N, C-alpha and C. Protein backbone atom coordinates (compact mmCIF):
# COMPACT_ATOMS: atom_id res chain seq x y z
N MET A 1 25.65 0.40 12.38
CA MET A 1 24.41 0.22 13.11
C MET A 1 23.55 1.48 13.01
N ILE A 2 22.27 1.32 12.95
CA ILE A 2 21.35 2.45 12.85
C ILE A 2 21.01 2.94 14.26
N GLU A 3 21.13 4.25 14.45
CA GLU A 3 20.83 4.88 15.74
C GLU A 3 19.33 4.78 16.04
N LYS A 4 18.96 4.96 17.30
CA LYS A 4 17.55 4.93 17.69
C LYS A 4 16.79 6.13 17.14
N ILE A 5 17.42 7.32 17.09
CA ILE A 5 16.78 8.53 16.57
C ILE A 5 17.59 9.02 15.38
N ASN A 6 16.92 9.20 14.23
CA ASN A 6 17.58 9.58 12.98
C ASN A 6 16.82 10.73 12.34
N ILE A 7 17.53 11.83 12.09
CA ILE A 7 16.91 13.00 11.49
C ILE A 7 17.70 13.39 10.25
N GLU A 8 16.97 13.52 9.11
CA GLU A 8 17.54 13.94 7.84
C GLU A 8 18.79 13.15 7.45
N LYS A 9 18.70 11.84 7.57
CA LYS A 9 19.81 10.97 7.19
C LYS A 9 19.45 10.19 5.93
N GLU A 10 20.45 9.80 5.19
CA GLU A 10 20.26 8.94 4.02
C GLU A 10 20.95 7.62 4.28
N PHE A 11 20.20 6.54 4.04
CA PHE A 11 20.73 5.19 4.19
C PHE A 11 20.73 4.57 2.80
N SER A 12 21.89 4.17 2.33
CA SER A 12 21.99 3.66 0.96
C SER A 12 22.72 2.33 0.92
N GLY A 13 22.11 1.37 0.20
CA GLY A 13 22.75 0.09 -0.05
C GLY A 13 22.98 -0.79 1.16
N ILE A 14 22.25 -0.58 2.23
CA ILE A 14 22.47 -1.42 3.41
C ILE A 14 21.61 -2.68 3.33
N ASP A 15 22.16 -3.76 3.83
CA ASP A 15 21.45 -5.04 3.85
C ASP A 15 21.22 -5.41 5.31
N MET A 16 19.99 -5.24 5.75
CA MET A 16 19.66 -5.52 7.14
C MET A 16 18.44 -6.42 7.21
N GLN A 17 18.44 -7.48 6.41
CA GLN A 17 17.29 -8.36 6.42
C GLN A 17 17.21 -9.12 7.74
N ALA A 18 15.98 -9.28 8.20
CA ALA A 18 15.65 -10.02 9.42
C ALA A 18 16.28 -9.42 10.67
N VAL A 19 16.44 -8.10 10.70
CA VAL A 19 16.98 -7.46 11.90
C VAL A 19 15.85 -6.81 12.71
N ASN A 20 16.16 -6.51 13.96
CA ASN A 20 15.21 -5.88 14.85
C ASN A 20 15.46 -4.37 14.82
N LEU A 21 14.51 -3.62 14.26
CA LEU A 21 14.59 -2.16 14.26
C LEU A 21 13.40 -1.59 15.02
N LYS A 22 13.05 -2.26 16.11
CA LYS A 22 11.91 -1.84 16.91
C LYS A 22 12.19 -0.51 17.61
N ASN A 23 11.11 0.29 17.72
CA ASN A 23 11.12 1.51 18.51
C ASN A 23 12.21 2.50 18.10
N HIS A 24 12.42 2.65 16.81
CA HIS A 24 13.33 3.66 16.29
C HIS A 24 12.51 4.86 15.81
N GLU A 25 13.18 5.97 15.56
CA GLU A 25 12.54 7.15 15.00
C GLU A 25 13.32 7.62 13.79
N PHE A 26 12.59 7.86 12.69
CA PHE A 26 13.19 8.37 11.46
C PHE A 26 12.38 9.58 11.01
N ASP A 27 13.04 10.72 10.93
CA ASP A 27 12.38 11.97 10.56
C ASP A 27 13.08 12.52 9.32
N CYS A 28 12.34 12.64 8.21
CA CYS A 28 12.88 13.16 6.95
C CYS A 28 14.09 12.37 6.47
N CYS A 29 14.02 11.06 6.56
CA CYS A 29 15.12 10.20 6.13
C CYS A 29 14.81 9.57 4.78
N VAL A 30 15.87 9.20 4.07
CA VAL A 30 15.76 8.56 2.76
C VAL A 30 16.47 7.22 2.83
N PHE A 31 15.79 6.18 2.32
CA PHE A 31 16.36 4.84 2.25
C PHE A 31 16.45 4.46 0.77
N LYS A 32 17.67 4.22 0.28
CA LYS A 32 17.86 3.86 -1.13
C LYS A 32 18.54 2.51 -1.25
N ASP A 33 17.98 1.65 -2.10
CA ASP A 33 18.59 0.35 -2.41
C ASP A 33 18.91 -0.46 -1.16
N CYS A 34 18.00 -0.46 -0.19
CA CYS A 34 18.22 -1.19 1.05
C CYS A 34 17.39 -2.47 1.08
N ASN A 35 17.89 -3.48 1.78
CA ASN A 35 17.18 -4.73 1.95
C ASN A 35 16.79 -4.87 3.42
N PHE A 36 15.50 -4.73 3.69
CA PHE A 36 14.97 -4.89 5.04
C PHE A 36 14.02 -6.08 5.11
N SER A 37 14.07 -6.99 4.17
CA SER A 37 13.10 -8.10 4.14
C SER A 37 13.14 -8.86 5.47
N ASN A 38 11.94 -9.20 5.95
CA ASN A 38 11.74 -9.94 7.20
C ASN A 38 12.20 -9.19 8.45
N SER A 39 12.43 -7.90 8.36
CA SER A 39 12.85 -7.11 9.53
C SER A 39 11.63 -6.72 10.37
N ASP A 40 11.89 -6.36 11.61
CA ASP A 40 10.84 -5.97 12.54
C ASP A 40 10.91 -4.48 12.83
N PHE A 41 9.92 -3.71 12.30
CA PHE A 41 9.83 -2.26 12.51
C PHE A 41 8.78 -1.92 13.57
N SER A 42 8.40 -2.85 14.39
CA SER A 42 7.34 -2.63 15.37
C SER A 42 7.67 -1.45 16.27
N GLY A 43 6.67 -0.57 16.45
CA GLY A 43 6.82 0.58 17.32
C GLY A 43 7.69 1.69 16.76
N THR A 44 8.16 1.55 15.53
CA THR A 44 9.02 2.56 14.91
C THR A 44 8.17 3.64 14.27
N GLU A 45 8.70 4.86 14.25
CA GLU A 45 7.99 5.98 13.66
C GLU A 45 8.77 6.53 12.47
N PHE A 46 8.07 6.62 11.32
CA PHE A 46 8.63 7.21 10.10
C PHE A 46 7.83 8.48 9.79
N ARG A 47 8.48 9.64 9.81
CA ARG A 47 7.84 10.91 9.48
C ARG A 47 8.51 11.51 8.26
N GLU A 48 7.72 11.71 7.21
CA GLU A 48 8.21 12.31 5.97
C GLU A 48 9.46 11.60 5.45
N CYS A 49 9.38 10.28 5.42
CA CYS A 49 10.50 9.47 4.93
C CYS A 49 10.21 8.93 3.54
N SER A 50 11.27 8.53 2.86
CA SER A 50 11.14 8.00 1.50
C SER A 50 11.95 6.71 1.38
N PHE A 51 11.30 5.68 0.85
CA PHE A 51 11.97 4.41 0.55
C PHE A 51 12.04 4.30 -0.97
N GLN A 52 13.25 4.14 -1.51
CA GLN A 52 13.43 4.07 -2.96
C GLN A 52 14.19 2.79 -3.32
N ASN A 53 13.57 1.98 -4.16
CA ASN A 53 14.18 0.74 -4.64
C ASN A 53 14.63 -0.17 -3.49
N CYS A 54 13.77 -0.33 -2.49
CA CYS A 54 14.10 -1.15 -1.33
C CYS A 54 13.29 -2.45 -1.33
N ASN A 55 13.83 -3.47 -0.69
CA ASN A 55 13.11 -4.71 -0.47
C ASN A 55 12.59 -4.68 0.97
N LEU A 56 11.28 -4.59 1.11
CA LEU A 56 10.64 -4.53 2.42
C LEU A 56 9.69 -5.72 2.62
N SER A 57 9.90 -6.76 1.85
CA SER A 57 9.00 -7.92 1.90
C SER A 57 8.96 -8.53 3.29
N MET A 58 7.73 -8.84 3.71
CA MET A 58 7.46 -9.54 4.97
C MET A 58 7.92 -8.78 6.21
N ILE A 59 8.06 -7.45 6.14
CA ILE A 59 8.43 -6.70 7.34
C ILE A 59 7.28 -6.72 8.33
N LYS A 60 7.61 -6.59 9.60
CA LYS A 60 6.61 -6.55 10.66
C LYS A 60 6.37 -5.10 11.03
N LEU A 61 5.09 -4.69 11.05
CA LEU A 61 4.74 -3.29 11.26
C LEU A 61 3.81 -3.07 12.45
N HIS A 62 3.90 -3.90 13.47
CA HIS A 62 3.00 -3.76 14.61
C HIS A 62 3.21 -2.39 15.29
N ASP A 63 2.15 -1.57 15.29
CA ASP A 63 2.15 -0.24 15.90
C ASP A 63 3.21 0.69 15.29
N THR A 64 3.55 0.47 14.04
CA THR A 64 4.49 1.33 13.33
C THR A 64 3.76 2.56 12.81
N SER A 65 4.38 3.74 12.94
CA SER A 65 3.79 4.99 12.43
C SER A 65 4.38 5.31 11.06
N LEU A 66 3.50 5.49 10.09
CA LEU A 66 3.91 5.87 8.74
C LEU A 66 3.22 7.19 8.41
N LYS A 67 3.91 8.28 8.67
CA LYS A 67 3.35 9.62 8.49
C LYS A 67 4.01 10.27 7.28
N ASP A 68 3.21 10.49 6.22
CA ASP A 68 3.73 11.06 4.97
C ASP A 68 4.96 10.31 4.47
N THR A 69 4.84 9.01 4.40
CA THR A 69 5.93 8.15 3.95
C THR A 69 5.66 7.71 2.52
N THR A 70 6.69 7.79 1.67
CA THR A 70 6.55 7.39 0.27
C THR A 70 7.40 6.16 -0.01
N PHE A 71 6.85 5.32 -0.87
CA PHE A 71 7.54 4.12 -1.31
C PHE A 71 7.60 4.15 -2.83
N GLU A 72 8.81 4.09 -3.38
CA GLU A 72 8.99 4.12 -4.83
C GLU A 72 9.85 2.95 -5.27
N TYR A 73 9.36 2.22 -6.26
CA TYR A 73 10.08 1.08 -6.83
C TYR A 73 10.50 0.08 -5.75
N CYS A 74 9.62 -0.17 -4.80
CA CYS A 74 9.92 -1.09 -3.70
C CYS A 74 9.23 -2.43 -3.88
N LYS A 75 9.88 -3.46 -3.40
CA LYS A 75 9.30 -4.80 -3.34
C LYS A 75 8.75 -4.96 -1.93
N MET A 76 7.43 -5.16 -1.83
CA MET A 76 6.76 -5.15 -0.53
C MET A 76 5.78 -6.32 -0.43
N LEU A 77 6.27 -7.51 -0.58
CA LEU A 77 5.41 -8.70 -0.59
C LEU A 77 4.96 -9.08 0.82
N GLY A 78 3.69 -9.44 0.93
CA GLY A 78 3.17 -10.03 2.15
C GLY A 78 3.22 -9.14 3.39
N ILE A 79 2.96 -7.85 3.23
CA ILE A 79 3.01 -6.95 4.38
C ILE A 79 1.61 -6.76 4.96
N ASN A 80 1.52 -6.86 6.27
CA ASN A 80 0.26 -6.69 6.97
C ASN A 80 0.18 -5.24 7.47
N PHE A 81 -0.37 -4.35 6.64
CA PHE A 81 -0.50 -2.94 7.01
C PHE A 81 -1.60 -2.71 8.04
N GLN A 82 -2.50 -3.66 8.21
CA GLN A 82 -3.64 -3.45 9.10
C GLN A 82 -3.22 -3.28 10.55
N ILE A 83 -1.99 -3.61 10.93
CA ILE A 83 -1.57 -3.51 12.32
C ILE A 83 -0.70 -2.27 12.59
N VAL A 84 -0.62 -1.35 11.60
CA VAL A 84 0.15 -0.13 11.82
C VAL A 84 -0.59 0.80 12.78
N ASN A 85 0.11 1.80 13.25
CA ASN A 85 -0.50 2.84 14.08
C ASN A 85 -1.31 3.74 13.15
N ASN A 86 -2.60 3.87 13.40
CA ASN A 86 -3.49 4.64 12.52
C ASN A 86 -3.39 6.15 12.68
N PHE A 87 -2.75 6.62 13.74
CA PHE A 87 -2.70 8.05 14.00
C PHE A 87 -1.88 8.77 12.93
N LEU A 88 -2.50 9.68 12.21
CA LEU A 88 -1.88 10.45 11.12
C LEU A 88 -1.28 9.56 10.03
N LEU A 89 -1.85 8.39 9.84
CA LEU A 89 -1.38 7.45 8.82
C LEU A 89 -1.52 8.06 7.43
N ALA A 90 -0.42 8.17 6.71
CA ALA A 90 -0.45 8.68 5.33
C ALA A 90 0.77 8.14 4.59
N PHE A 91 0.50 7.45 3.48
CA PHE A 91 1.59 6.94 2.66
C PHE A 91 1.17 6.90 1.21
N SER A 92 2.15 6.74 0.32
CA SER A 92 1.88 6.61 -1.11
C SER A 92 2.84 5.59 -1.69
N PHE A 93 2.40 5.01 -2.82
CA PHE A 93 3.16 3.93 -3.45
C PHE A 93 3.30 4.23 -4.94
N ASN A 94 4.51 4.17 -5.44
CA ASN A 94 4.80 4.45 -6.84
C ASN A 94 5.67 3.33 -7.40
N HIS A 95 5.16 2.59 -8.38
CA HIS A 95 5.87 1.49 -9.01
C HIS A 95 6.33 0.44 -7.99
N CYS A 96 5.44 0.07 -7.09
CA CYS A 96 5.77 -0.92 -6.07
C CYS A 96 5.09 -2.25 -6.35
N ILE A 97 5.67 -3.31 -5.83
CA ILE A 97 5.06 -4.63 -5.87
C ILE A 97 4.53 -4.91 -4.47
N LEU A 98 3.21 -4.91 -4.34
CA LEU A 98 2.54 -5.05 -3.04
C LEU A 98 1.77 -6.37 -2.94
N ASN A 99 2.11 -7.34 -3.74
CA ASN A 99 1.37 -8.60 -3.78
C ASN A 99 1.24 -9.22 -2.40
N LEU A 100 0.08 -9.82 -2.15
CA LEU A 100 -0.22 -10.57 -0.93
C LEU A 100 -0.18 -9.72 0.34
N SER A 101 -0.34 -8.41 0.21
CA SER A 101 -0.36 -7.52 1.37
C SER A 101 -1.79 -7.27 1.81
N SER A 102 -1.94 -6.72 3.03
CA SER A 102 -3.28 -6.48 3.57
C SER A 102 -3.42 -5.05 4.08
N PHE A 103 -4.53 -4.41 3.63
CA PHE A 103 -4.92 -3.09 4.09
C PHE A 103 -6.28 -3.19 4.80
N TYR A 104 -6.57 -4.34 5.34
CA TYR A 104 -7.85 -4.66 5.97
C TYR A 104 -8.25 -3.59 6.99
N LYS A 105 -9.45 -3.03 6.81
CA LYS A 105 -10.08 -2.07 7.71
C LYS A 105 -9.30 -0.77 7.91
N LEU A 106 -8.33 -0.47 7.07
CA LEU A 106 -7.57 0.77 7.25
C LEU A 106 -8.32 1.98 6.73
N GLU A 107 -8.15 3.09 7.41
CA GLU A 107 -8.69 4.39 6.99
C GLU A 107 -7.58 5.10 6.22
N ILE A 108 -7.54 4.89 4.91
CA ILE A 108 -6.45 5.45 4.10
C ILE A 108 -7.01 6.25 2.92
N GLU A 109 -7.93 7.11 3.26
CA GLU A 109 -8.57 7.98 2.28
C GLU A 109 -7.51 8.81 1.54
N GLY A 110 -7.67 8.89 0.22
CA GLY A 110 -6.79 9.73 -0.59
C GLY A 110 -5.41 9.14 -0.85
N THR A 111 -5.24 7.86 -0.64
CA THR A 111 -3.94 7.23 -0.88
C THR A 111 -3.67 7.10 -2.38
N SER A 112 -2.42 7.30 -2.76
CA SER A 112 -2.03 7.20 -4.17
C SER A 112 -1.25 5.91 -4.41
N PHE A 113 -1.75 5.13 -5.37
CA PHE A 113 -1.08 3.92 -5.84
C PHE A 113 -0.82 4.13 -7.33
N VAL A 114 0.42 4.27 -7.73
CA VAL A 114 0.74 4.54 -9.13
C VAL A 114 1.58 3.40 -9.70
N SER A 115 1.07 2.80 -10.77
CA SER A 115 1.77 1.72 -11.48
C SER A 115 2.25 0.62 -10.53
N CYS A 116 1.37 0.19 -9.66
CA CYS A 116 1.71 -0.84 -8.68
C CYS A 116 1.14 -2.20 -9.08
N GLU A 117 1.87 -3.24 -8.75
CA GLU A 117 1.37 -4.60 -8.89
C GLU A 117 0.80 -4.98 -7.54
N MET A 118 -0.52 -5.27 -7.52
CA MET A 118 -1.22 -5.48 -6.27
C MET A 118 -2.03 -6.77 -6.32
N ASN A 119 -1.40 -7.85 -6.73
CA ASN A 119 -2.08 -9.13 -6.84
C ASN A 119 -2.42 -9.69 -5.47
N ASP A 120 -3.66 -10.15 -5.32
CA ASP A 120 -4.14 -10.80 -4.10
C ASP A 120 -4.01 -9.92 -2.86
N VAL A 121 -4.20 -8.62 -3.02
CA VAL A 121 -4.16 -7.69 -1.88
C VAL A 121 -5.54 -7.63 -1.23
N ASP A 122 -5.55 -7.54 0.09
CA ASP A 122 -6.79 -7.51 0.87
C ASP A 122 -7.16 -6.05 1.18
N PHE A 123 -8.29 -5.59 0.59
CA PHE A 123 -8.82 -4.27 0.85
C PHE A 123 -10.17 -4.35 1.57
N VAL A 124 -10.46 -5.47 2.19
CA VAL A 124 -11.75 -5.67 2.84
C VAL A 124 -11.98 -4.62 3.93
N SER A 125 -13.14 -3.98 3.88
CA SER A 125 -13.59 -2.99 4.86
C SER A 125 -12.66 -1.78 5.00
N ALA A 126 -11.83 -1.53 4.00
CA ALA A 126 -10.93 -0.36 4.04
C ALA A 126 -11.64 0.87 3.50
N ASN A 127 -11.23 2.03 3.98
CA ASN A 127 -11.72 3.29 3.44
C ASN A 127 -10.69 3.81 2.45
N LEU A 128 -10.97 3.66 1.17
CA LEU A 128 -10.09 4.11 0.10
C LEU A 128 -10.74 5.24 -0.70
N SER A 129 -11.68 5.94 -0.08
CA SER A 129 -12.35 7.03 -0.79
C SER A 129 -11.32 8.06 -1.24
N LYS A 130 -11.56 8.61 -2.40
CA LYS A 130 -10.69 9.63 -3.01
C LYS A 130 -9.28 9.13 -3.30
N SER A 131 -9.07 7.82 -3.27
CA SER A 131 -7.76 7.26 -3.58
C SER A 131 -7.56 7.17 -5.09
N ASN A 132 -6.32 7.13 -5.48
CA ASN A 132 -5.97 7.06 -6.89
C ASN A 132 -5.25 5.76 -7.17
N PHE A 133 -5.84 4.94 -8.03
CA PHE A 133 -5.22 3.70 -8.49
C PHE A 133 -4.85 3.93 -9.95
N ASP A 134 -3.69 4.46 -10.20
CA ASP A 134 -3.26 4.83 -11.54
C ASP A 134 -2.44 3.69 -12.16
N ASN A 135 -3.01 3.03 -13.17
CA ASN A 135 -2.31 1.97 -13.90
C ASN A 135 -1.86 0.83 -12.99
N CYS A 136 -2.73 0.38 -12.10
CA CYS A 136 -2.40 -0.69 -11.16
C CYS A 136 -3.00 -2.02 -11.61
N ASN A 137 -2.23 -3.09 -11.41
CA ASN A 137 -2.71 -4.44 -11.67
C ASN A 137 -3.31 -4.96 -10.36
N LEU A 138 -4.62 -5.16 -10.34
CA LEU A 138 -5.34 -5.57 -9.14
C LEU A 138 -5.86 -7.00 -9.25
N GLN A 139 -5.11 -7.85 -9.94
CA GLN A 139 -5.50 -9.25 -10.13
C GLN A 139 -5.68 -9.94 -8.78
N GLY A 140 -6.87 -10.46 -8.53
CA GLY A 140 -7.13 -11.20 -7.30
C GLY A 140 -7.27 -10.34 -6.05
N ALA A 141 -7.20 -9.02 -6.19
CA ALA A 141 -7.39 -8.14 -5.02
C ALA A 141 -8.81 -8.30 -4.50
N VAL A 142 -8.97 -8.30 -3.20
CA VAL A 142 -10.28 -8.54 -2.60
C VAL A 142 -10.87 -7.22 -2.10
N PHE A 143 -12.01 -6.86 -2.69
CA PHE A 143 -12.78 -5.69 -2.30
C PHE A 143 -14.12 -6.17 -1.76
N SER A 144 -14.38 -5.94 -0.49
CA SER A 144 -15.66 -6.30 0.12
C SER A 144 -15.92 -5.32 1.24
N GLN A 145 -17.11 -4.68 1.19
CA GLN A 145 -17.44 -3.63 2.16
C GLN A 145 -16.37 -2.53 2.15
N THR A 146 -15.80 -2.29 0.98
CA THR A 146 -14.74 -1.30 0.81
C THR A 146 -15.34 0.01 0.34
N ASN A 147 -14.86 1.11 0.92
CA ASN A 147 -15.32 2.43 0.50
C ASN A 147 -14.39 2.94 -0.60
N LEU A 148 -14.90 2.93 -1.82
CA LEU A 148 -14.16 3.42 -2.99
C LEU A 148 -14.81 4.67 -3.57
N SER A 149 -15.62 5.35 -2.78
CA SER A 149 -16.30 6.54 -3.29
C SER A 149 -15.28 7.58 -3.74
N LYS A 150 -15.52 8.14 -4.90
CA LYS A 150 -14.66 9.16 -5.52
C LYS A 150 -13.24 8.67 -5.80
N ALA A 151 -13.01 7.36 -5.76
CA ALA A 151 -11.70 6.81 -6.11
C ALA A 151 -11.56 6.77 -7.63
N ASP A 152 -10.34 6.83 -8.11
CA ASP A 152 -10.08 6.78 -9.55
C ASP A 152 -9.40 5.47 -9.90
N LEU A 153 -10.14 4.61 -10.57
CA LEU A 153 -9.61 3.33 -11.05
C LEU A 153 -9.66 3.27 -12.58
N SER A 154 -9.74 4.41 -13.21
CA SER A 154 -9.97 4.47 -14.66
C SER A 154 -8.85 3.85 -15.48
N SER A 155 -7.64 3.81 -14.97
CA SER A 155 -6.54 3.23 -15.75
C SER A 155 -6.06 1.91 -15.17
N SER A 156 -6.69 1.42 -14.12
CA SER A 156 -6.28 0.15 -13.51
C SER A 156 -6.97 -1.01 -14.21
N PHE A 157 -6.48 -2.20 -13.93
CA PHE A 157 -6.97 -3.37 -14.67
C PHE A 157 -6.93 -4.62 -13.80
N ASN A 158 -7.61 -5.65 -14.28
CA ASN A 158 -7.70 -6.97 -13.64
C ASN A 158 -8.39 -6.95 -12.28
N PHE A 159 -9.21 -5.95 -12.01
CA PHE A 159 -9.92 -5.93 -10.73
C PHE A 159 -11.27 -6.59 -10.88
N ASN A 160 -11.82 -6.98 -9.75
CA ASN A 160 -13.16 -7.56 -9.67
C ASN A 160 -13.84 -6.91 -8.47
N ILE A 161 -14.70 -5.94 -8.74
CA ILE A 161 -15.37 -5.19 -7.69
C ILE A 161 -16.87 -5.32 -7.86
N ASN A 162 -17.53 -5.87 -6.87
CA ASN A 162 -18.98 -6.02 -6.91
C ASN A 162 -19.60 -4.71 -6.41
N PRO A 163 -20.29 -3.95 -7.27
CA PRO A 163 -20.90 -2.69 -6.85
C PRO A 163 -21.93 -2.84 -5.73
N ALA A 164 -22.54 -4.00 -5.61
CA ALA A 164 -23.54 -4.22 -4.56
C ALA A 164 -22.90 -4.45 -3.20
N ASP A 165 -21.62 -4.77 -3.18
CA ASP A 165 -20.91 -5.09 -1.93
C ASP A 165 -19.92 -4.00 -1.52
N ASN A 166 -19.76 -2.98 -2.35
CA ASN A 166 -18.78 -1.93 -2.11
C ASN A 166 -19.39 -0.57 -2.42
N ASN A 167 -18.88 0.47 -1.79
CA ASN A 167 -19.33 1.83 -2.07
C ASN A 167 -18.47 2.39 -3.21
N ILE A 168 -19.06 2.51 -4.40
CA ILE A 168 -18.32 3.04 -5.55
C ILE A 168 -18.94 4.35 -6.05
N LYS A 169 -19.70 5.01 -5.20
CA LYS A 169 -20.37 6.25 -5.60
C LYS A 169 -19.35 7.29 -6.08
N LYS A 170 -19.59 7.80 -7.28
CA LYS A 170 -18.76 8.82 -7.93
C LYS A 170 -17.32 8.38 -8.17
N SER A 171 -17.08 7.07 -8.20
CA SER A 171 -15.76 6.55 -8.57
C SER A 171 -15.58 6.66 -10.08
N LYS A 172 -14.33 6.66 -10.51
CA LYS A 172 -14.04 6.76 -11.94
C LYS A 172 -13.55 5.43 -12.47
N PHE A 173 -14.18 5.00 -13.57
CA PHE A 173 -13.79 3.81 -14.29
C PHE A 173 -13.79 4.16 -15.77
N SER A 174 -13.02 3.45 -16.55
CA SER A 174 -13.05 3.69 -17.99
C SER A 174 -13.91 2.62 -18.65
N SER A 175 -14.30 2.86 -19.89
CA SER A 175 -15.15 1.89 -20.58
C SER A 175 -14.44 0.56 -20.80
N TYR A 176 -13.11 0.57 -20.90
CA TYR A 176 -12.39 -0.68 -21.15
C TYR A 176 -12.27 -1.55 -19.89
N ASN A 177 -12.44 -0.99 -18.69
CA ASN A 177 -12.31 -1.83 -17.50
C ASN A 177 -13.64 -2.05 -16.76
N LEU A 178 -14.75 -1.73 -17.41
CA LEU A 178 -16.05 -1.93 -16.78
C LEU A 178 -16.36 -3.40 -16.51
N HIS A 179 -15.74 -4.31 -17.26
CA HIS A 179 -15.99 -5.73 -17.02
C HIS A 179 -15.62 -6.13 -15.59
N GLY A 180 -14.70 -5.40 -14.95
CA GLY A 180 -14.34 -5.67 -13.57
C GLY A 180 -15.45 -5.38 -12.58
N LEU A 181 -16.44 -4.60 -13.02
CA LEU A 181 -17.61 -4.31 -12.18
C LEU A 181 -18.75 -5.28 -12.45
N LEU A 182 -18.64 -6.04 -13.54
CA LEU A 182 -19.73 -6.93 -13.95
C LEU A 182 -19.40 -8.41 -13.80
N ALA A 183 -18.19 -8.74 -13.42
CA ALA A 183 -17.76 -10.13 -13.37
C ALA A 183 -18.63 -10.98 -12.45
N HIS A 184 -19.13 -10.39 -11.36
CA HIS A 184 -19.96 -11.13 -10.43
C HIS A 184 -21.28 -11.58 -11.02
N LEU A 185 -21.68 -11.01 -12.17
CA LEU A 185 -22.93 -11.36 -12.82
C LEU A 185 -22.81 -12.62 -13.69
N ASP A 186 -21.58 -13.08 -13.91
CA ASP A 186 -21.33 -14.26 -14.74
C ASP A 186 -21.95 -14.10 -16.12
N ILE A 187 -21.66 -12.94 -16.74
CA ILE A 187 -22.15 -12.70 -18.10
C ILE A 187 -20.95 -12.58 -19.04
N GLU A 188 -21.23 -12.71 -20.32
CA GLU A 188 -20.19 -12.60 -21.33
C GLU A 188 -20.28 -11.22 -21.97
N ILE A 189 -19.19 -10.50 -21.94
CA ILE A 189 -19.14 -9.16 -22.54
C ILE A 189 -18.39 -9.26 -23.85
N ILE A 190 -19.03 -8.80 -24.92
CA ILE A 190 -18.42 -8.90 -26.26
C ILE A 190 -17.99 -7.53 -26.73
């Protein structure tokens, strides 16, 4: 069983899907090869924690604190990040599958997404300024009233971002993915 307060612990290979982990504290902890799918992390605080190769699909994050938390090679389908605790919210994603997740209205300036699959992700009204989308698949991701100023999307693909509906001032795009900025015009690019 996981204690209520955990400091500098490593959890490896545990299968705790659909369990209640409400109101726990994890400080500088590492989670490797764990299955937490459908678990409830409501009210839990993660400070400087790392999740590596974990299944976190459909976890509940109501009022969960994610402070300097990293996710690497994690499966994170259908997560509603919009209900996390916004105080000192900071996380990064590396080689994660975030399909069908929501970052609606989150203030997550400077977030790093590296080689992530982000199909049908909701970024509506989110602040993603100065964020890095490095080699991300953004097929079906929804950007509307999203702040992408100074964001780097130069190596990402399959996105559809309407410049008239989003702030893309000083954002980086490459010449090969510019069609993602023009799709709303219904023109043919040759």
